[in-house]
Amino acid sequence: MKSVMDEPVTNGSNAPPTNRSCRQDEDEDEAEIARRIQQSVDDAKATISATLEDTKVAAERLMRHGRYAVEDRVSELGHNIKKHPIGFVGIAFAAGAVLGLCFRILPSRKR
């Protein structure tokens, strides 16, 4: 928005501006507002784009870290099974027995 100080002085008179100069001032104000809106939109796009890129990099890093952790645990499990095979056979038998009992009990409750 323009103030009185920004308006050009014509012939030293205090006459009100003509319709043409009012329209020209309004057009300039509208152009300035449009430029500011466009600048705000461009700034918002840049901020969102940068945030999305940072989030993408963080997600990729997290997935890589998770994959390495799973690979380490699987490798460790394989090592432990080779080290204590009888214990793991007992654990597998116990887990199978519990699941078998659960599947046998569940259908009988529905009757």
N, C-alpha and C. Protein backbone atom coordinates (compact mmCIF):
# COMPACT_ATOMS: atom_id res chain seq x y z
N MET A 1 0.84 -1.16 0.00
CA MET A 1 0.00 0.00 0.00
C MET A 1 0.89 1.23 0.00
N LYS A 2 0.41 2.22 -0.67
CA LYS A 2 1.18 3.45 -0.77
C LYS A 2 0.61 4.49 0.19
N SER A 3 1.49 5.33 0.65
CA SER A 3 1.04 6.41 1.53
C SER A 3 0.97 7.69 0.71
N VAL A 4 0.53 8.74 1.34
CA VAL A 4 0.43 10.04 0.68
C VAL A 4 1.81 10.52 0.27
N MET A 5 2.82 10.15 1.03
CA MET A 5 4.18 10.59 0.74
C MET A 5 4.71 9.98 -0.56
N ASP A 6 4.19 8.82 -0.95
CA ASP A 6 4.67 8.15 -2.15
C ASP A 6 4.06 8.69 -3.44
N GLU A 7 2.96 9.44 -3.33
CA GLU A 7 2.28 9.94 -4.52
C GLU A 7 3.06 11.11 -5.10
N PRO A 8 3.13 11.18 -6.42
CA PRO A 8 3.87 12.29 -7.04
C PRO A 8 3.14 13.63 -6.84
N VAL A 9 3.91 14.65 -6.72
CA VAL A 9 3.35 15.99 -6.55
C VAL A 9 3.19 16.59 -7.94
N THR A 10 2.01 17.13 -8.23
CA THR A 10 1.76 17.72 -9.54
C THR A 10 1.50 19.20 -9.39
N ASN A 11 2.31 19.98 -10.00
CA ASN A 11 2.16 21.43 -10.08
C ASN A 11 1.97 22.11 -8.74
N GLY A 12 2.38 21.49 -7.68
CA GLY A 12 2.28 22.11 -6.37
C GLY A 12 0.85 22.31 -5.92
N SER A 13 -0.12 21.76 -6.59
CA SER A 13 -1.51 21.94 -6.17
C SER A 13 -1.94 20.79 -5.28
N ASN A 14 -2.94 21.03 -4.51
CA ASN A 14 -3.48 20.02 -3.62
C ASN A 14 -4.72 19.37 -4.22
N ALA A 15 -4.81 19.35 -5.52
CA ALA A 15 -5.97 18.77 -6.20
C ALA A 15 -5.96 17.27 -6.03
N PRO A 16 -7.14 16.66 -5.89
CA PRO A 16 -7.21 15.21 -5.75
C PRO A 16 -6.73 14.54 -7.04
N PRO A 17 -6.19 13.33 -6.92
CA PRO A 17 -5.70 12.64 -8.12
C PRO A 17 -6.86 12.29 -9.05
N THR A 18 -6.53 12.19 -10.30
CA THR A 18 -7.57 11.88 -11.29
C THR A 18 -7.90 10.40 -11.23
N ASN A 19 -8.98 10.02 -11.91
CA ASN A 19 -9.39 8.62 -11.94
C ASN A 19 -8.30 7.76 -12.56
N ARG A 20 -7.61 8.28 -13.55
CA ARG A 20 -6.56 7.51 -14.22
C ARG A 20 -5.43 7.19 -13.25
N SER A 21 -4.99 8.15 -12.44
CA SER A 21 -3.91 7.90 -11.49
C SER A 21 -4.37 6.98 -10.37
N CYS A 22 -5.66 7.03 -9.98
CA CYS A 22 -6.19 6.13 -8.96
C CYS A 22 -6.16 4.70 -9.46
N ARG A 23 -6.59 4.52 -10.73
CA ARG A 23 -6.57 3.18 -11.29
C ARG A 23 -5.14 2.66 -11.44
N GLN A 24 -4.27 3.56 -11.80
CA GLN A 24 -2.86 3.15 -11.95
C GLN A 24 -2.28 2.75 -10.60
N ASP A 25 -2.59 3.50 -9.54
CA ASP A 25 -2.13 3.15 -8.19
C ASP A 25 -2.73 1.82 -7.75
N GLU A 26 -4.02 1.59 -8.05
CA GLU A 26 -4.66 0.34 -7.68
C GLU A 26 -4.02 -0.83 -8.42
N ASP A 27 -3.71 -0.61 -9.70
CA ASP A 27 -3.06 -1.66 -10.48
C ASP A 27 -1.67 -1.98 -9.92
N GLU A 28 -0.95 -0.95 -9.52
CA GLU A 28 0.38 -1.16 -8.94
C GLU A 28 0.27 -1.90 -7.60
N ASP A 29 -0.74 -1.52 -6.79
CA ASP A 29 -0.96 -2.20 -5.50
C ASP A 29 -1.31 -3.67 -5.73
N GLU A 30 -2.19 -3.94 -6.70
CA GLU A 30 -2.56 -5.31 -7.00
C GLU A 30 -1.37 -6.11 -7.50
N ALA A 31 -0.53 -5.50 -8.31
CA ALA A 31 0.66 -6.17 -8.82
C ALA A 31 1.63 -6.48 -7.68
N GLU A 32 1.77 -5.54 -6.75
CA GLU A 32 2.65 -5.77 -5.59
C GLU A 32 2.11 -6.89 -4.71
N ILE A 33 0.80 -6.91 -4.49
CA ILE A 33 0.19 -7.97 -3.69
C ILE A 33 0.37 -9.32 -4.38
N ALA A 34 0.15 -9.35 -5.69
CA ALA A 34 0.33 -10.60 -6.45
C ALA A 34 1.78 -11.07 -6.37
N ARG A 35 2.73 -10.14 -6.44
CA ARG A 35 4.14 -10.50 -6.36
C ARG A 35 4.47 -11.07 -4.98
N ARG A 36 3.93 -10.46 -3.93
CA ARG A 36 4.18 -10.95 -2.57
C ARG A 36 3.56 -12.34 -2.36
N ILE A 37 2.35 -12.54 -2.88
CA ILE A 37 1.71 -13.85 -2.76
C ILE A 37 2.54 -14.90 -3.48
N GLN A 38 2.98 -14.58 -4.70
CA GLN A 38 3.79 -15.53 -5.47
C GLN A 38 5.09 -15.84 -4.73
N GLN A 39 5.71 -14.84 -4.12
CA GLN A 39 6.94 -15.05 -3.37
C GLN A 39 6.67 -15.96 -2.16
N SER A 40 5.55 -15.75 -1.49
CA SER A 40 5.20 -16.60 -0.34
C SER A 40 4.97 -18.04 -0.78
N VAL A 41 4.28 -18.22 -1.90
CA VAL A 41 4.04 -19.56 -2.42
C VAL A 41 5.36 -20.23 -2.79
N ASP A 42 6.25 -19.51 -3.44
CA ASP A 42 7.55 -20.06 -3.82
C ASP A 42 8.36 -20.45 -2.58
N ASP A 43 8.33 -19.60 -1.55
CA ASP A 43 9.04 -19.92 -0.31
C ASP A 43 8.46 -21.16 0.36
N ALA A 44 7.14 -21.28 0.36
CA ALA A 44 6.49 -22.45 0.96
C ALA A 44 6.85 -23.72 0.19
N LYS A 45 6.86 -23.64 -1.14
CA LYS A 45 7.25 -24.80 -1.96
C LYS A 45 8.68 -25.22 -1.65
N ALA A 46 9.57 -24.27 -1.54
CA ALA A 46 10.97 -24.59 -1.27
C ALA A 46 11.12 -25.23 0.10
N THR A 47 10.41 -24.72 1.10
CA THR A 47 10.48 -25.27 2.44
C THR A 47 9.93 -26.69 2.48
N ILE A 48 8.79 -26.90 1.84
CA ILE A 48 8.19 -28.24 1.81
C ILE A 48 9.09 -29.21 1.08
N SER A 49 9.65 -28.78 -0.03
CA SER A 49 10.54 -29.65 -0.80
C SER A 49 11.77 -30.05 0.00
N ALA A 50 12.36 -29.10 0.71
CA ALA A 50 13.54 -29.40 1.53
C ALA A 50 13.17 -30.35 2.67
N THR A 51 12.03 -30.14 3.29
CA THR A 51 11.58 -31.01 4.38
C THR A 51 11.33 -32.42 3.88
N LEU A 52 10.68 -32.55 2.73
CA LEU A 52 10.44 -33.87 2.16
C LEU A 52 11.74 -34.59 1.82
N GLU A 53 12.69 -33.87 1.28
CA GLU A 53 13.98 -34.48 0.94
C GLU A 53 14.70 -34.96 2.20
N ASP A 54 14.68 -34.14 3.26
CA ASP A 54 15.30 -34.54 4.52
C ASP A 54 14.61 -35.77 5.11
N THR A 55 13.29 -35.80 5.03
CA THR A 55 12.52 -36.94 5.55
C THR A 55 12.83 -38.20 4.76
N LYS A 56 12.95 -38.07 3.44
CA LYS A 56 13.28 -39.22 2.59
C LYS A 56 14.64 -39.79 2.95
N VAL A 57 15.62 -38.93 3.14
CA VAL A 57 16.97 -39.38 3.50
C VAL A 57 16.94 -40.07 4.86
N ALA A 58 16.21 -39.50 5.81
CA ALA A 58 16.12 -40.11 7.15
C ALA A 58 15.43 -41.47 7.09
N ALA A 59 14.38 -41.59 6.28
CA ALA A 59 13.68 -42.87 6.15
C ALA A 59 14.58 -43.93 5.51
N GLU A 60 15.33 -43.54 4.48
CA GLU A 60 16.25 -44.49 3.85
C GLU A 60 17.32 -44.95 4.84
N ARG A 61 17.83 -44.02 5.62
CA ARG A 61 18.84 -44.36 6.63
C ARG A 61 18.27 -45.31 7.67
N LEU A 62 17.05 -45.06 8.11
CA LEU A 62 16.39 -45.91 9.10
C LEU A 62 16.14 -47.31 8.54
N MET A 63 15.73 -47.40 7.27
CA MET A 63 15.51 -48.71 6.65
C MET A 63 16.82 -49.49 6.55
N ARG A 64 17.89 -48.81 6.17
CA ARG A 64 19.20 -49.46 6.08
C ARG A 64 19.63 -49.98 7.45
N HIS A 65 19.46 -49.15 8.47
CA HIS A 65 19.85 -49.53 9.83
C HIS A 65 19.02 -50.72 10.30
N GLY A 66 17.72 -50.70 10.01
CA GLY A 66 16.85 -51.81 10.40
C GLY A 66 17.23 -53.10 9.69
N ARG A 67 17.54 -53.00 8.41
CA ARG A 67 17.94 -54.20 7.65
C ARG A 67 19.23 -54.79 8.22
N TYR A 68 20.19 -53.93 8.55
CA TYR A 68 21.45 -54.42 9.13
C TYR A 68 21.20 -55.07 10.49
N ALA A 69 20.31 -54.50 11.28
CA ALA A 69 20.00 -55.06 12.60
C ALA A 69 19.35 -56.44 12.46
N VAL A 70 18.43 -56.58 11.51
CA VAL A 70 17.78 -57.88 11.29
C VAL A 70 18.81 -58.91 10.81
N GLU A 71 19.67 -58.50 9.88
CA GLU A 71 20.70 -59.43 9.39
C GLU A 71 21.62 -59.87 10.52
N ASP A 72 21.97 -58.95 11.41
CA ASP A 72 22.82 -59.31 12.55
C ASP A 72 22.11 -60.30 13.47
N ARG A 73 20.82 -60.08 13.74
CA ARG A 73 20.08 -60.98 14.63
C ARG A 73 19.91 -62.36 14.02
N VAL A 74 19.66 -62.44 12.73
CA VAL A 74 19.54 -63.74 12.06
C VAL A 74 20.86 -64.49 12.10
N SER A 75 21.93 -63.77 11.86
CA SER A 75 23.26 -64.38 11.93
C SER A 75 23.55 -64.87 13.35
N GLU A 76 23.21 -64.06 14.33
CA GLU A 76 23.43 -64.43 15.73
C GLU A 76 22.57 -65.64 16.11
N LEU A 77 21.33 -65.69 15.62
CA LEU A 77 20.46 -66.81 15.90
C LEU A 77 21.03 -68.10 15.29
N GLY A 78 21.51 -68.01 14.06
CA GLY A 78 22.13 -69.18 13.43
C GLY A 78 23.33 -69.68 14.22
N HIS A 79 24.12 -68.76 14.71
CA HIS A 79 25.29 -69.13 15.53
C HIS A 79 24.85 -69.81 16.83
N ASN A 80 23.81 -69.24 17.48
CA ASN A 80 23.33 -69.82 18.74
C ASN A 80 22.70 -71.19 18.53
N ILE A 81 22.01 -71.39 17.40
CA ILE A 81 21.43 -72.70 17.12
C ILE A 81 22.53 -73.74 16.95
N LYS A 82 23.61 -73.36 16.24
CA LYS A 82 24.73 -74.29 16.07
C LYS A 82 25.44 -74.57 17.40
N LYS A 83 25.46 -73.58 18.27
CA LYS A 83 26.15 -73.73 19.54
C LYS A 83 25.33 -74.56 20.54
N HIS A 84 24.00 -74.41 20.55
CA HIS A 84 23.11 -75.10 21.49
C HIS A 84 21.96 -75.77 20.74
N PRO A 85 22.20 -76.79 19.95
CA PRO A 85 21.13 -77.37 19.13
C PRO A 85 20.03 -78.05 19.95
N ILE A 86 20.38 -78.73 21.02
CA ILE A 86 19.39 -79.45 21.80
C ILE A 86 18.42 -78.49 22.48
N GLY A 87 18.91 -77.39 22.98
CA GLY A 87 18.06 -76.39 23.63
C GLY A 87 17.05 -75.81 22.64
N PHE A 88 17.48 -75.54 21.42
CA PHE A 88 16.58 -74.97 20.43
C PHE A 88 15.56 -76.00 19.94
N VAL A 89 15.95 -77.27 19.90
CA VAL A 89 14.97 -78.31 19.55
C VAL A 89 13.90 -78.38 20.64
N GLY A 90 14.29 -78.28 21.89
CA GLY A 90 13.33 -78.27 23.00
C GLY A 90 12.40 -77.07 22.92
N ILE A 91 12.95 -75.91 22.60
CA ILE A 91 12.13 -74.69 22.47
C ILE A 91 11.14 -74.85 21.33
N ALA A 92 11.60 -75.38 20.20
CA ALA A 92 10.72 -75.59 19.05
C ALA A 92 9.62 -76.58 19.39
N PHE A 93 9.96 -77.65 20.11
CA PHE A 93 8.95 -78.64 20.51
C PHE A 93 7.91 -78.00 21.43
N ALA A 94 8.36 -77.22 22.41
CA ALA A 94 7.44 -76.57 23.35
C ALA A 94 6.52 -75.59 22.62
N ALA A 95 7.08 -74.82 21.69
CA ALA A 95 6.25 -73.86 20.94
C ALA A 95 5.22 -74.60 20.10
N GLY A 96 5.61 -75.69 19.48
CA GLY A 96 4.66 -76.48 18.68
C GLY A 96 3.57 -77.08 19.54
N ALA A 97 3.93 -77.55 20.72
CA ALA A 97 2.93 -78.13 21.62
C ALA A 97 1.92 -77.08 22.06
N VAL A 98 2.39 -75.90 22.40
CA VAL A 98 1.49 -74.82 22.83
C VAL A 98 0.55 -74.44 21.69
N LEU A 99 1.07 -74.27 20.48
CA LEU A 99 0.22 -73.92 19.34
C LEU A 99 -0.79 -75.03 19.06
N GLY A 100 -0.36 -76.30 19.16
CA GLY A 100 -1.28 -77.41 18.94
C GLY A 100 -2.41 -77.41 19.94
N LEU A 101 -2.11 -77.15 21.20
CA LEU A 101 -3.16 -77.08 22.22
C LEU A 101 -4.11 -75.93 21.96
N CYS A 102 -3.56 -74.79 21.55
CA CYS A 102 -4.42 -73.63 21.27
C CYS A 102 -5.38 -73.93 20.13
N PHE A 103 -4.89 -74.55 19.06
CA PHE A 103 -5.75 -74.86 17.92
C PHE A 103 -6.77 -75.94 18.26
N ARG A 104 -6.45 -76.81 19.20
CA ARG A 104 -7.39 -77.85 19.60
C ARG A 104 -8.47 -77.28 20.53
N ILE A 105 -8.11 -76.34 21.38
CA ILE A 105 -9.06 -75.78 22.35
C ILE A 105 -10.00 -74.78 21.68
N LEU A 106 -9.53 -73.97 20.77
CA LEU A 106 -10.36 -72.94 20.15
C LEU A 106 -11.61 -73.48 19.46
N PRO A 107 -11.53 -74.53 18.63
CA PRO A 107 -12.77 -75.02 17.99
C PRO A 107 -13.78 -75.59 19.00
N SER A 108 -13.31 -76.16 20.10
CA SER A 108 -14.23 -76.74 21.08
C SER A 108 -14.99 -75.65 21.84
N ARG A 109 -14.49 -74.47 21.96
CA ARG A 109 -15.18 -73.36 22.64
C ARG A 109 -16.34 -72.81 21.81
N LYS A 110 -16.28 -72.97 20.52
CA LYS A 110 -17.33 -72.42 19.65
C LYS A 110 -18.62 -73.22 19.77
N ARG A 111 -18.59 -74.45 20.22
CA ARG A 111 -19.79 -75.30 20.32
C ARG A 111 -20.62 -74.94 21.47
